[in-house]
């Protein structure tokens, strides 16, 4: 009797997951072909449902202005959604936006924090960005950024 309910349950999870992955892969194929309008269409619904990878790529589309008008504020919004879920790439990209005041006010403390989190998640290039940024910061700003990074915890959508 338990097997009778287990098989349909497992199949329902597989059936629900496959279309989402398929849409992401379709978007990735389009992105690689530079068909950014299709990539945007495929990823938007996934991103709105909380998919961090789709959110990260939407941030990139808005940052670069590929398939959409360039909009740093929208890039920041999408990267923020992915970064708080632990996306190292989005964390690094948020560091860039905050360091340069793109899409919102410049905030070197917040930038340093995001670079630190990205570096801690294995995004190696973020270490160099963080270290370069630290040269422009006061010791108090660096200490604040380090404290924020230590206290930060990822969130789920």
Protein backbone atom coordinates (compact mmCIF):
# COMPACT_ATOMS: atom_id res chain seq x y z
CA UNK A 1 0.00 0.00 0.00
CA UNK A 2 2.73 2.61 0.77
CA UNK A 3 4.36 1.88 -2.60
CA UNK A 4 1.07 2.67 -4.32
CA UNK A 5 1.29 6.25 -3.00
CA UNK A 6 5.06 6.64 -3.26
CA UNK A 7 5.32 6.14 -7.01
CA UNK A 8 2.75 8.84 -7.93
CA UNK A 9 4.36 11.22 -5.45
CA UNK A 10 7.83 10.74 -6.94
CA UNK A 11 6.49 11.04 -10.48
CA UNK A 12 4.71 14.28 -9.63
CA UNK A 13 7.96 15.80 -8.34
CA UNK A 14 9.81 14.72 -11.47
CA UNK A 15 7.10 16.08 -13.75
CA UNK A 16 7.08 19.42 -11.95
CA UNK A 17 10.89 19.76 -11.96
CA UNK A 18 11.52 18.81 -15.59
CA UNK A 19 9.57 21.69 -17.19
CA UNK A 20 11.37 24.23 -14.98
CA UNK A 21 14.77 22.81 -15.89
CA UNK A 22 13.71 22.63 -19.52
CA UNK A 23 12.74 26.32 -19.48
CA UNK A 24 16.07 27.24 -17.92
CA UNK A 25 17.99 25.21 -20.49
CA UNK A 26 15.91 26.69 -23.31
CA UNK A 27 16.78 30.13 -21.97
CA UNK A 28 20.45 29.18 -21.72
CA UNK A 29 20.50 27.91 -25.29
CA UNK A 30 18.93 31.18 -26.45
CA UNK A 31 21.40 33.21 -24.35
CA UNK A 32 24.33 31.37 -25.91
CA UNK A 33 22.89 32.14 -29.37
CA UNK A 34 22.55 35.80 -28.32
CA UNK A 35 18.76 35.51 -28.60
CA UNK A 36 18.28 37.51 -25.44
CA UNK A 37 14.55 38.14 -25.92
CA UNK A 38 13.90 34.39 -25.80
CA UNK A 39 16.25 33.96 -22.84
CA UNK A 40 14.39 36.71 -21.00
CA UNK A 41 11.03 35.11 -21.74
CA UNK A 42 12.19 31.68 -20.55
CA UNK A 43 13.87 32.90 -17.38
CA UNK A 44 11.43 35.56 -16.18
CA UNK A 45 8.79 33.16 -14.85
CA UNK A 46 11.46 31.03 -13.17
CA UNK A 47 13.04 34.11 -11.64
CA UNK A 48 9.70 35.35 -10.34
CA UNK A 49 9.18 31.93 -8.73
CA UNK A 50 12.46 32.36 -6.85
CA UNK A 51 14.97 30.49 -9.03
CA UNK A 52 18.32 32.06 -8.09
CA UNK A 53 20.11 31.06 -11.28
CA UNK A 54 17.40 32.58 -13.47
CA UNK A 55 17.46 35.71 -11.28
CA UNK A 56 21.22 35.96 -11.69
CA UNK A 57 20.98 35.75 -15.48
CA UNK A 58 18.14 38.29 -15.59
CA UNK A 59 20.39 40.64 -13.65
CA UNK A 60 23.03 40.16 -16.31
CA UNK A 61 20.57 40.90 -19.12
CA UNK A 62 19.53 44.16 -17.47
CA UNK A 63 23.10 45.10 -16.59
CA UNK A 64 24.32 44.60 -20.16
CA UNK A 65 21.13 45.81 -21.85
CA UNK A 66 20.79 42.56 -23.76
CA UNK A 67 17.21 42.01 -24.94
CA UNK A 68 16.01 44.79 -22.63
CA UNK A 69 16.92 48.43 -22.12
CA UNK A 70 19.99 48.68 -19.90
CA UNK A 71 18.76 49.24 -16.36
CA UNK A 72 21.18 49.03 -13.45
CA UNK A 73 18.38 49.35 -10.89
CA UNK A 74 16.62 46.27 -12.29
CA UNK A 75 19.95 44.44 -12.48
CA UNK A 76 20.47 45.26 -8.80
CA UNK A 77 16.98 44.00 -7.91
CA UNK A 78 17.47 40.65 -9.66
CA UNK A 79 21.00 40.17 -8.37
CA UNK A 80 19.84 40.99 -4.85
CA UNK A 81 17.20 38.26 -5.06
CA UNK A 82 19.79 35.72 -6.23
CA UNK A 83 22.51 36.90 -3.85
CA UNK A 84 20.41 36.54 -0.73
CA UNK A 85 19.86 32.91 -1.73
CA UNK A 86 23.63 32.39 -1.80
CA UNK A 87 24.48 32.84 -5.50
CA UNK A 88 28.20 33.68 -5.49
CA UNK A 89 28.03 35.17 -8.99
CA UNK A 90 25.18 37.50 -8.02
CA UNK A 91 26.97 38.42 -4.78
CA UNK A 92 30.04 39.43 -6.77
CA UNK A 93 27.94 41.41 -9.23
CA UNK A 94 26.16 43.23 -6.42
CA UNK A 95 29.57 44.14 -5.05
CA UNK A 96 30.34 45.75 -8.40
CA UNK A 97 27.09 47.73 -8.43
CA UNK A 98 27.50 48.99 -4.87
CA UNK A 99 31.18 49.87 -5.42
CA UNK A 100 30.31 52.01 -8.42
CA UNK A 101 26.93 53.37 -7.37
CA UNK A 102 25.15 51.73 -10.29
CA UNK A 103 21.40 51.26 -9.92
CA UNK A 104 21.41 52.94 -6.52
CA UNK A 105 23.68 54.78 -4.13
CA UNK A 106 27.35 53.91 -3.84
CA UNK A 107 28.06 51.95 -0.66
CA UNK A 108 31.60 50.63 -0.25
CA UNK A 109 30.78 48.82 2.99
CA UNK A 110 27.95 46.91 1.33
CA UNK A 111 30.16 46.26 -1.70
CA UNK A 112 32.95 44.84 0.47
CA UNK A 113 30.44 42.63 2.27
CA UNK A 114 29.08 41.19 -1.00
CA UNK A 115 32.58 40.63 -2.38
CA UNK A 116 33.52 38.84 0.85
CA UNK A 117 30.48 36.59 0.65
CA UNK A 118 31.16 35.78 -3.01
CA UNK A 119 34.80 34.99 -2.21
CA UNK A 120 33.71 32.79 0.68
CA UNK A 121 31.41 30.93 -1.73
CA UNK A 122 34.30 30.14 -4.04
CA UNK A 123 34.01 33.02 -6.50
CA UNK A 124 37.75 33.65 -6.61
CA UNK A 125 37.80 36.91 -8.59
CA UNK A 126 35.78 38.56 -5.81
CA UNK A 127 38.80 38.34 -3.50
CA UNK A 128 40.78 40.68 -5.75
CA UNK A 129 37.88 43.09 -6.10
CA UNK A 130 37.40 43.15 -2.33
CA UNK A 131 41.10 43.73 -1.69
CA UNK A 132 41.27 46.56 -4.25
CA UNK A 133 38.19 48.17 -2.73
CA UNK A 134 39.65 47.89 0.78
CA UNK A 135 42.50 50.19 -0.28
CA UNK A 136 39.92 52.98 -0.64
CA UNK A 137 38.19 52.29 2.69
CA UNK A 138 38.84 53.31 6.26
CA UNK A 139 39.61 50.63 8.87
CA UNK A 140 36.19 51.30 10.43
CA UNK A 141 34.43 50.71 7.10
CA UNK A 142 36.33 47.46 6.57
CA UNK A 143 35.47 46.29 10.08
CA UNK A 144 31.79 47.08 9.49
CA UNK A 145 31.80 45.19 6.17
CA UNK A 146 33.49 42.19 7.79
CA UNK A 147 30.94 42.17 10.61
CA UNK A 148 28.04 42.30 8.13
CA UNK A 149 29.55 39.40 6.18
CA UNK A 150 29.98 37.33 9.36
CA UNK A 151 26.38 37.97 10.44
CA UNK A 152 24.84 37.40 7.01
CA UNK A 153 22.80 34.27 6.39
CA UNK A 154 21.25 33.13 3.10
CA UNK A 155 17.50 33.23 2.71
CA UNK A 156 15.16 30.99 0.79
CA UNK A 157 12.52 32.44 -1.54
